[in-house]
Protein backbone atom coordinates (compact mmCIF):
# COMPACT_ATOMS: atom_id res chain seq x y z
CA UNK A 1 59.62 79.62 14.36
CA UNK A 2 59.36 76.78 11.97
CA UNK A 3 56.91 73.90 12.51
CA UNK A 4 59.63 71.47 13.52
CA UNK A 5 60.73 73.92 16.28
CA UNK A 6 57.23 73.77 17.77
CA UNK A 7 57.22 69.94 17.60
CA UNK A 8 60.59 69.72 19.37
CA UNK A 9 59.40 72.16 22.01
CA UNK A 10 56.22 70.13 22.65
CA UNK A 11 58.23 66.89 22.97
CA UNK A 12 60.59 68.52 25.49
CA UNK A 13 57.64 69.84 27.53
CA UNK A 14 55.99 66.40 27.46
CA UNK A 15 59.19 64.74 28.68
CA UNK A 16 59.78 67.29 31.44
CA UNK A 17 56.27 67.44 32.89
CA UNK A 18 54.84 64.06 31.95
CA UNK A 19 51.48 63.26 30.39
CA UNK A 20 49.61 63.30 33.70
CA UNK A 21 50.62 66.85 34.64
CA UNK A 22 50.02 68.51 31.25
CA UNK A 23 46.23 68.98 31.66
CA UNK A 24 46.73 70.55 35.09
CA UNK A 25 49.48 72.77 33.71
CA UNK A 26 47.29 73.92 30.80
CA UNK A 27 44.40 74.62 33.18
CA UNK A 28 46.55 76.73 35.51
CA UNK A 29 48.01 78.68 32.57
CA UNK A 30 44.50 79.37 31.27
CA UNK A 31 43.31 80.57 34.68
CA UNK A 32 46.36 82.80 35.02
CA UNK A 33 45.70 84.35 31.60
CA UNK A 34 42.04 84.96 32.52
CA UNK A 35 43.03 86.70 35.77
CA UNK A 36 45.65 88.76 33.93
CA UNK A 37 43.13 89.91 31.30
CA UNK A 38 40.62 90.87 34.01
CA UNK A 39 43.23 92.92 35.88
CA UNK A 40 44.30 94.73 32.70
CA UNK A 41 40.65 95.50 31.94
CA UNK A 42 40.11 96.81 35.49
CA UNK A 43 43.19 99.03 35.23
CA UNK A 44 41.96 100.45 31.93
CA UNK A 45 38.53 101.15 33.45
CA UNK A 46 40.13 102.80 36.49
CA UNK A 47 42.32 105.04 34.35
CA UNK A 48 39.31 106.12 32.27
CA UNK A 49 37.33 106.95 35.41
CA UNK A 50 40.28 108.79 36.97
CA UNK A 51 40.66 111.22 34.06
CA UNK A 52 39.10 114.53 35.08
CA UNK A 53 36.45 115.94 32.82
CA UNK A 54 37.31 119.26 31.17
CA UNK A 55 35.81 122.13 33.17
CA UNK A 56 32.89 123.93 31.53
CA UNK A 57 34.53 127.36 31.89
CA UNK A 58 38.01 128.17 33.13
CA UNK A 59 38.27 130.52 36.08
CA UNK A 60 38.77 134.11 34.89
CA UNK A 61 40.62 136.53 37.15
CA UNK A 62 39.69 140.22 37.18
CA UNK A 63 42.19 142.46 35.32
CA UNK A 64 43.57 143.91 38.57
CA UNK A 65 44.47 140.45 39.90
CA UNK A 66 46.31 139.34 36.77
CA UNK A 67 50.09 139.54 36.72
CA UNK A 68 51.64 142.37 34.68
CA UNK A 69 52.82 141.47 31.22
CA UNK A 70 56.37 142.81 31.76
CA UNK A 71 58.53 142.41 34.86
CA UNK A 72 59.12 145.55 36.95
CA UNK A 73 62.92 145.13 37.01
CA UNK A 74 65.06 144.58 33.93
CA UNK A 75 66.54 141.12 33.56
CA UNK A 76 70.21 140.61 34.39
CA UNK A 77 72.42 139.52 31.49
CA UNK A 78 73.51 135.91 31.58
CA UNK A 79 77.11 135.29 32.71
CA UNK A 80 79.66 134.44 30.07
CA UNK A 81 80.18 130.71 29.52
CA UNK A 82 82.93 129.37 31.74
CA UNK A 83 82.77 132.35 34.12
CA UNK A 84 81.17 131.16 37.33
CA UNK A 85 81.82 134.26 39.44
CA UNK A 86 83.39 137.66 39.08
CA UNK A 87 87.01 137.82 40.10
CA UNK A 88 88.11 140.47 42.54
CA UNK A 89 91.52 142.07 42.05
CA UNK A 90 94.19 140.61 44.29
CA UNK A 91 95.14 143.02 47.07
CA UNK A 92 98.11 142.36 49.34
CA UNK A 93 97.30 142.46 53.05
CA UNK A 94 98.21 145.69 54.81
CA UNK A 95 101.03 145.58 57.39
CA UNK A 96 101.73 148.02 60.22
CA UNK A 97 105.51 148.03 59.92
CA UNK A 98 107.70 147.89 56.88
CA UNK A 99 110.67 145.53 57.13
CA UNK A 100 113.95 146.99 56.07
CA UNK A 101 116.80 145.02 54.51
CA UNK A 102 118.98 145.94 57.49
CA UNK A 103 116.66 144.11 59.94
CA UNK A 104 116.87 140.91 57.90
CA UNK A 105 120.69 140.91 57.82
CA UNK A 106 121.30 140.93 61.58
CA UNK A 107 121.37 137.55 63.30
CA UNK A 108 119.21 137.10 66.38
CA UNK A 109 121.03 137.38 69.75
């Protein structure tokens, strides 16, 4: 901002709030900034206190309790891209009787 921008801004603030209210406004802004700084400082102190200290020695499991290095079963290959499931061959449903062309040609009585 250029200096004349600041001057115009101050004149507008003076006209909006009036000369009597400016000291009260400045005081309340100062108090708000002080409270804000104190809260930020408290949050920083809380976050420093909340960080756990590094343990002196990590817990070591006996060799029998540790997981094996390799899985017992071989891994399944990943499905091909775009193939969500395996398709089963289409099988026509079985019927008990076979329709003959002669049965279709006769009109119902």
